[in-house]
Amino acid sequence: MAELARKPVKHDHAAFLARARARPGFDEAYAALSLEYQLVQQLLKARTRAGLTQDAVAERMGTTKSAVSRLEAAQKHTPSLATLKRYAEAVGCELQVKLVPAK
């Protein structure tokens, strides 16, 4: 299986957000996608912690690298719980879903 051979490029998310917030409508659009961004961040952290490439995760899930890439991108794609569970298992995690009372 393909293991992570090099460290991922660091992304300065705070600097990115500071630049992006200058654009009109950004804050509203970003807030609307908050949950998706949180999920993507968790997926990427889990895969990095497992030391796996997208190819390796795809192999473990029985899918393609492009499918894993779509999962790890905050786009219009909405993965099923079954897909998220397979991803979690592929990176050595378990999927937990919970509902939290609104404030």
N, C-alpha and C. Protein backbone atom coordinates (compact mmCIF):
# COMPACT_ATOMS: atom_id res chain seq x y z
N MET A 1 0.82 -1.18 0.00
CA MET A 1 0.00 0.00 0.00
C MET A 1 0.86 1.25 0.00
N ALA A 2 0.36 2.29 -0.63
CA ALA A 2 1.11 3.55 -0.69
C ALA A 2 1.00 4.28 0.64
N GLU A 3 2.13 4.51 1.24
CA GLU A 3 2.17 5.25 2.50
C GLU A 3 2.63 6.67 2.20
N LEU A 4 2.34 7.57 3.10
CA LEU A 4 2.70 8.96 2.94
C LEU A 4 4.22 9.08 2.97
N ALA A 5 4.83 9.43 1.83
CA ALA A 5 6.28 9.47 1.71
C ALA A 5 6.87 10.82 2.13
N ARG A 6 6.08 11.86 2.08
CA ARG A 6 6.58 13.18 2.47
C ARG A 6 5.50 13.92 3.25
N LYS A 7 5.92 14.96 3.92
CA LYS A 7 4.97 15.73 4.73
C LYS A 7 4.11 16.61 3.83
N PRO A 8 2.83 16.75 4.19
CA PRO A 8 1.96 17.63 3.40
C PRO A 8 2.43 19.08 3.51
N VAL A 9 2.11 19.87 2.52
CA VAL A 9 2.44 21.29 2.52
C VAL A 9 1.58 21.97 3.58
N LYS A 10 2.21 22.78 4.41
CA LYS A 10 1.47 23.52 5.44
C LYS A 10 0.58 24.56 4.78
N HIS A 11 -0.60 24.70 5.31
CA HIS A 11 -1.56 25.68 4.81
C HIS A 11 -1.86 26.63 5.95
N ASP A 12 -1.62 27.91 5.75
CA ASP A 12 -1.90 28.92 6.77
C ASP A 12 -3.35 29.36 6.60
N HIS A 13 -4.24 28.63 7.26
CA HIS A 13 -5.67 28.86 7.09
C HIS A 13 -6.07 30.24 7.61
N ALA A 14 -5.47 30.68 8.71
CA ALA A 14 -5.79 31.99 9.26
C ALA A 14 -5.47 33.10 8.26
N ALA A 15 -4.32 33.02 7.61
CA ALA A 15 -3.94 34.02 6.61
C ALA A 15 -4.87 33.96 5.40
N PHE A 16 -5.23 32.75 5.00
CA PHE A 16 -6.18 32.59 3.89
C PHE A 16 -7.51 33.26 4.22
N LEU A 17 -8.02 32.99 5.44
CA LEU A 17 -9.30 33.58 5.84
C LEU A 17 -9.22 35.09 5.92
N ALA A 18 -8.12 35.61 6.42
CA ALA A 18 -7.96 37.07 6.52
C ALA A 18 -8.06 37.71 5.14
N ARG A 19 -7.41 37.11 4.14
CA ARG A 19 -7.49 37.65 2.78
C ARG A 19 -8.90 37.48 2.20
N ALA A 20 -9.48 36.32 2.43
CA ALA A 20 -10.79 36.02 1.84
C ALA A 20 -11.90 36.88 2.44
N ARG A 21 -11.80 37.21 3.72
CA ARG A 21 -12.85 38.00 4.38
C ARG A 21 -12.98 39.41 3.80
N ALA A 22 -11.99 39.85 3.08
CA ALA A 22 -12.06 41.16 2.44
C ALA A 22 -13.05 41.15 1.27
N ARG A 23 -13.39 39.97 0.77
CA ARG A 23 -14.31 39.88 -0.36
C ARG A 23 -15.76 39.99 0.14
N PRO A 24 -16.59 40.75 -0.56
CA PRO A 24 -17.99 40.90 -0.16
C PRO A 24 -18.72 39.56 -0.19
N GLY A 25 -19.49 39.28 0.84
CA GLY A 25 -20.30 38.07 0.90
C GLY A 25 -19.56 36.83 1.37
N PHE A 26 -18.25 36.95 1.59
CA PHE A 26 -17.47 35.77 1.97
C PHE A 26 -17.91 35.20 3.31
N ASP A 27 -18.07 36.05 4.31
CA ASP A 27 -18.41 35.56 5.65
C ASP A 27 -19.72 34.76 5.65
N GLU A 28 -20.71 35.24 4.93
CA GLU A 28 -22.00 34.54 4.87
C GLU A 28 -21.86 33.18 4.16
N ALA A 29 -21.14 33.16 3.07
CA ALA A 29 -20.93 31.92 2.31
C ALA A 29 -20.12 30.92 3.12
N TYR A 30 -19.09 31.41 3.81
CA TYR A 30 -18.23 30.53 4.62
C TYR A 30 -19.02 29.94 5.79
N ALA A 31 -19.83 30.77 6.43
CA ALA A 31 -20.64 30.28 7.55
C ALA A 31 -21.63 29.21 7.10
N ALA A 32 -22.18 29.38 5.90
CA ALA A 32 -23.14 28.40 5.38
C ALA A 32 -22.49 27.05 5.13
N LEU A 33 -21.17 27.03 4.90
CA LEU A 33 -20.45 25.78 4.63
C LEU A 33 -19.64 25.30 5.83
N SER A 34 -19.87 25.87 6.98
CA SER A 34 -19.09 25.57 8.17
C SER A 34 -19.03 24.07 8.48
N LEU A 35 -20.15 23.41 8.47
CA LEU A 35 -20.18 21.98 8.79
C LEU A 35 -19.37 21.16 7.78
N GLU A 36 -19.49 21.49 6.49
CA GLU A 36 -18.74 20.79 5.46
C GLU A 36 -17.24 20.98 5.67
N TYR A 37 -16.82 22.22 5.97
CA TYR A 37 -15.40 22.48 6.20
C TYR A 37 -14.88 21.73 7.43
N GLN A 38 -15.69 21.65 8.47
CA GLN A 38 -15.29 20.90 9.66
C GLN A 38 -15.08 19.43 9.32
N LEU A 39 -15.99 18.87 8.54
CA LEU A 39 -15.87 17.46 8.15
C LEU A 39 -14.61 17.23 7.33
N VAL A 40 -14.36 18.09 6.34
CA VAL A 40 -13.17 17.94 5.50
C VAL A 40 -11.91 18.01 6.35
N GLN A 41 -11.87 18.94 7.29
CA GLN A 41 -10.71 19.08 8.16
C GLN A 41 -10.48 17.80 8.96
N GLN A 42 -11.55 17.19 9.45
CA GLN A 42 -11.42 15.94 10.21
C GLN A 42 -10.94 14.80 9.32
N LEU A 43 -11.45 14.74 8.09
CA LEU A 43 -11.01 13.69 7.16
C LEU A 43 -9.52 13.80 6.89
N LEU A 44 -9.07 15.01 6.58
CA LEU A 44 -7.66 15.22 6.27
C LEU A 44 -6.76 14.92 7.46
N LYS A 45 -7.17 15.33 8.65
CA LYS A 45 -6.37 15.05 9.85
C LYS A 45 -6.28 13.55 10.11
N ALA A 46 -7.39 12.84 9.93
CA ALA A 46 -7.39 11.40 10.17
C ALA A 46 -6.49 10.68 9.18
N ARG A 47 -6.54 11.08 7.90
CA ARG A 47 -5.70 10.43 6.89
C ARG A 47 -4.23 10.73 7.14
N THR A 48 -3.92 11.97 7.49
CA THR A 48 -2.53 12.34 7.77
C THR A 48 -2.02 11.59 8.99
N ARG A 49 -2.84 11.50 10.04
CA ARG A 49 -2.47 10.78 11.26
C ARG A 49 -2.19 9.31 10.94
N ALA A 50 -2.96 8.75 10.01
CA ALA A 50 -2.78 7.35 9.62
C ALA A 50 -1.57 7.18 8.70
N GLY A 51 -1.03 8.29 8.18
CA GLY A 51 0.13 8.23 7.29
C GLY A 51 -0.19 7.62 5.94
N LEU A 52 -1.39 7.89 5.43
CA LEU A 52 -1.84 7.29 4.19
C LEU A 52 -2.01 8.33 3.08
N THR A 53 -1.82 7.90 1.85
CA THR A 53 -2.11 8.73 0.70
C THR A 53 -3.57 8.51 0.31
N GLN A 54 -4.07 9.36 -0.58
CA GLN A 54 -5.42 9.15 -1.09
C GLN A 54 -5.52 7.82 -1.82
N ASP A 55 -4.46 7.44 -2.53
CA ASP A 55 -4.45 6.14 -3.22
C ASP A 55 -4.63 4.99 -2.23
N ALA A 56 -3.93 5.06 -1.10
CA ALA A 56 -4.01 3.98 -0.10
C ALA A 56 -5.40 3.91 0.51
N VAL A 57 -5.97 5.08 0.81
CA VAL A 57 -7.33 5.10 1.37
C VAL A 57 -8.32 4.54 0.35
N ALA A 58 -8.17 4.94 -0.90
CA ALA A 58 -9.05 4.44 -1.96
C ALA A 58 -8.98 2.92 -2.06
N GLU A 59 -7.76 2.38 -2.01
CA GLU A 59 -7.58 0.93 -2.08
C GLU A 59 -8.29 0.24 -0.92
N ARG A 60 -8.12 0.79 0.28
CA ARG A 60 -8.76 0.19 1.46
C ARG A 60 -10.28 0.29 1.40
N MET A 61 -10.79 1.36 0.75
CA MET A 61 -12.23 1.54 0.64
C MET A 61 -12.83 0.79 -0.54
N GLY A 62 -11.97 0.35 -1.45
CA GLY A 62 -12.47 -0.30 -2.66
C GLY A 62 -13.05 0.71 -3.65
N THR A 63 -12.41 1.87 -3.74
CA THR A 63 -12.89 2.91 -4.64
C THR A 63 -11.69 3.53 -5.35
N THR A 64 -11.88 4.69 -5.95
CA THR A 64 -10.81 5.34 -6.70
C THR A 64 -10.24 6.53 -5.92
N LYS A 65 -9.04 6.93 -6.32
CA LYS A 65 -8.41 8.11 -5.72
C LYS A 65 -9.27 9.34 -5.95
N SER A 66 -9.87 9.46 -7.12
CA SER A 66 -10.69 10.64 -7.41
C SER A 66 -11.92 10.70 -6.49
N ALA A 67 -12.47 9.54 -6.13
CA ALA A 67 -13.60 9.52 -5.20
C ALA A 67 -13.16 10.01 -3.82
N VAL A 68 -11.97 9.60 -3.39
CA VAL A 68 -11.44 10.05 -2.10
C VAL A 68 -11.16 11.55 -2.16
N SER A 69 -10.63 12.01 -3.27
CA SER A 69 -10.36 13.43 -3.44
C SER A 69 -11.64 14.25 -3.32
N ARG A 70 -12.73 13.76 -3.92
CA ARG A 70 -14.01 14.46 -3.82
C ARG A 70 -14.50 14.49 -2.38
N LEU A 71 -14.29 13.40 -1.63
CA LEU A 71 -14.69 13.38 -0.22
C LEU A 71 -13.94 14.43 0.59
N GLU A 72 -12.67 14.63 0.25
CA GLU A 72 -11.81 15.53 1.01
C GLU A 72 -11.88 16.98 0.53
N ALA A 73 -12.79 17.28 -0.36
CA ALA A 73 -12.97 18.64 -0.86
C ALA A 73 -14.36 19.13 -0.47
N ALA A 74 -14.41 20.33 0.05
CA ALA A 74 -15.71 20.91 0.43
C ALA A 74 -16.38 21.43 -0.84
N GLN A 75 -17.11 20.55 -1.49
CA GLN A 75 -17.80 20.92 -2.72
C GLN A 75 -19.27 20.55 -2.57
N LYS A 76 -19.96 20.46 -3.67
CA LYS A 76 -21.39 20.14 -3.64
C LYS A 76 -21.66 18.67 -3.39
N HIS A 77 -20.61 17.86 -3.40
CA HIS A 77 -20.74 16.43 -3.17
C HIS A 77 -21.13 16.18 -1.71
N THR A 78 -22.19 15.43 -1.47
CA THR A 78 -22.62 15.09 -0.12
C THR A 78 -22.48 13.58 0.06
N PRO A 79 -21.45 13.14 0.80
CA PRO A 79 -21.24 11.70 0.96
C PRO A 79 -22.29 11.07 1.88
N SER A 80 -22.57 9.80 1.63
CA SER A 80 -23.51 9.07 2.49
C SER A 80 -22.81 8.69 3.79
N LEU A 81 -23.59 8.33 4.79
CA LEU A 81 -23.01 7.85 6.04
C LEU A 81 -22.22 6.57 5.81
N ALA A 82 -22.68 5.73 4.90
CA ALA A 82 -21.97 4.48 4.61
C ALA A 82 -20.58 4.79 4.03
N THR A 83 -20.50 5.78 3.16
CA THR A 83 -19.21 6.16 2.58
C THR A 83 -18.29 6.73 3.65
N LEU A 84 -18.83 7.60 4.50
CA LEU A 84 -18.02 8.18 5.58
C LEU A 84 -17.54 7.10 6.53
N LYS A 85 -18.37 6.09 6.78
CA LYS A 85 -17.98 4.98 7.65
C LYS A 85 -16.83 4.19 7.02
N ARG A 86 -16.91 3.92 5.71
CA ARG A 86 -15.83 3.20 5.02
C ARG A 86 -14.54 4.00 5.05
N TYR A 87 -14.64 5.32 4.88
CA TYR A 87 -13.46 6.17 4.94
C TYR A 87 -12.85 6.10 6.34
N ALA A 88 -13.69 6.25 7.35
CA ALA A 88 -13.20 6.21 8.74
C ALA A 88 -12.48 4.90 9.01
N GLU A 89 -13.05 3.79 8.60
CA GLU A 89 -12.42 2.49 8.82
C GLU A 89 -11.10 2.39 8.06
N ALA A 90 -11.05 2.96 6.85
CA ALA A 90 -9.83 2.90 6.04
C ALA A 90 -8.67 3.64 6.69
N VAL A 91 -8.98 4.68 7.48
CA VAL A 91 -7.91 5.46 8.13
C VAL A 91 -7.78 5.11 9.61
N GLY A 92 -8.40 3.99 10.00
CA GLY A 92 -8.24 3.50 11.38
C GLY A 92 -9.06 4.25 12.41
N CYS A 93 -10.21 4.75 12.00
CA CYS A 93 -11.09 5.48 12.92
C CYS A 93 -12.48 4.85 12.92
N GLU A 94 -13.32 5.33 13.80
CA GLU A 94 -14.73 4.97 13.76
C GLU A 94 -15.52 6.25 13.56
N LEU A 95 -16.63 6.14 12.85
CA LEU A 95 -17.47 7.30 12.58
C LEU A 95 -18.45 7.48 13.72
N GLN A 96 -18.55 8.69 14.23
CA GLN A 96 -19.53 9.02 15.26
C GLN A 96 -20.35 10.21 14.76
N VAL A 97 -21.65 10.10 14.89
CA VAL A 97 -22.55 11.18 14.49
C VAL A 97 -23.40 11.50 15.70
N LYS A 98 -23.51 12.79 16.02
CA LYS A 98 -24.35 13.15 17.16
C LYS A 98 -25.09 14.44 16.88
N LEU A 99 -26.24 14.56 17.48
CA LEU A 99 -27.04 15.77 17.38
C LEU A 99 -26.87 16.52 18.70
N VAL A 100 -26.59 17.80 18.60
CA VAL A 100 -26.36 18.63 19.77
C VAL A 100 -27.47 19.67 19.82
N PRO A 101 -28.11 19.85 20.98
CA PRO A 101 -29.18 20.86 21.07
C PRO A 101 -28.67 22.24 20.63
N ALA A 102 -29.50 22.95 19.88
CA ALA A 102 -29.15 24.29 19.41
C ALA A 102 -29.09 25.24 20.60
N LYS A 103 -28.25 26.25 20.46
CA LYS A 103 -28.11 27.25 21.53
C LYS A 103 -29.25 28.22 21.52
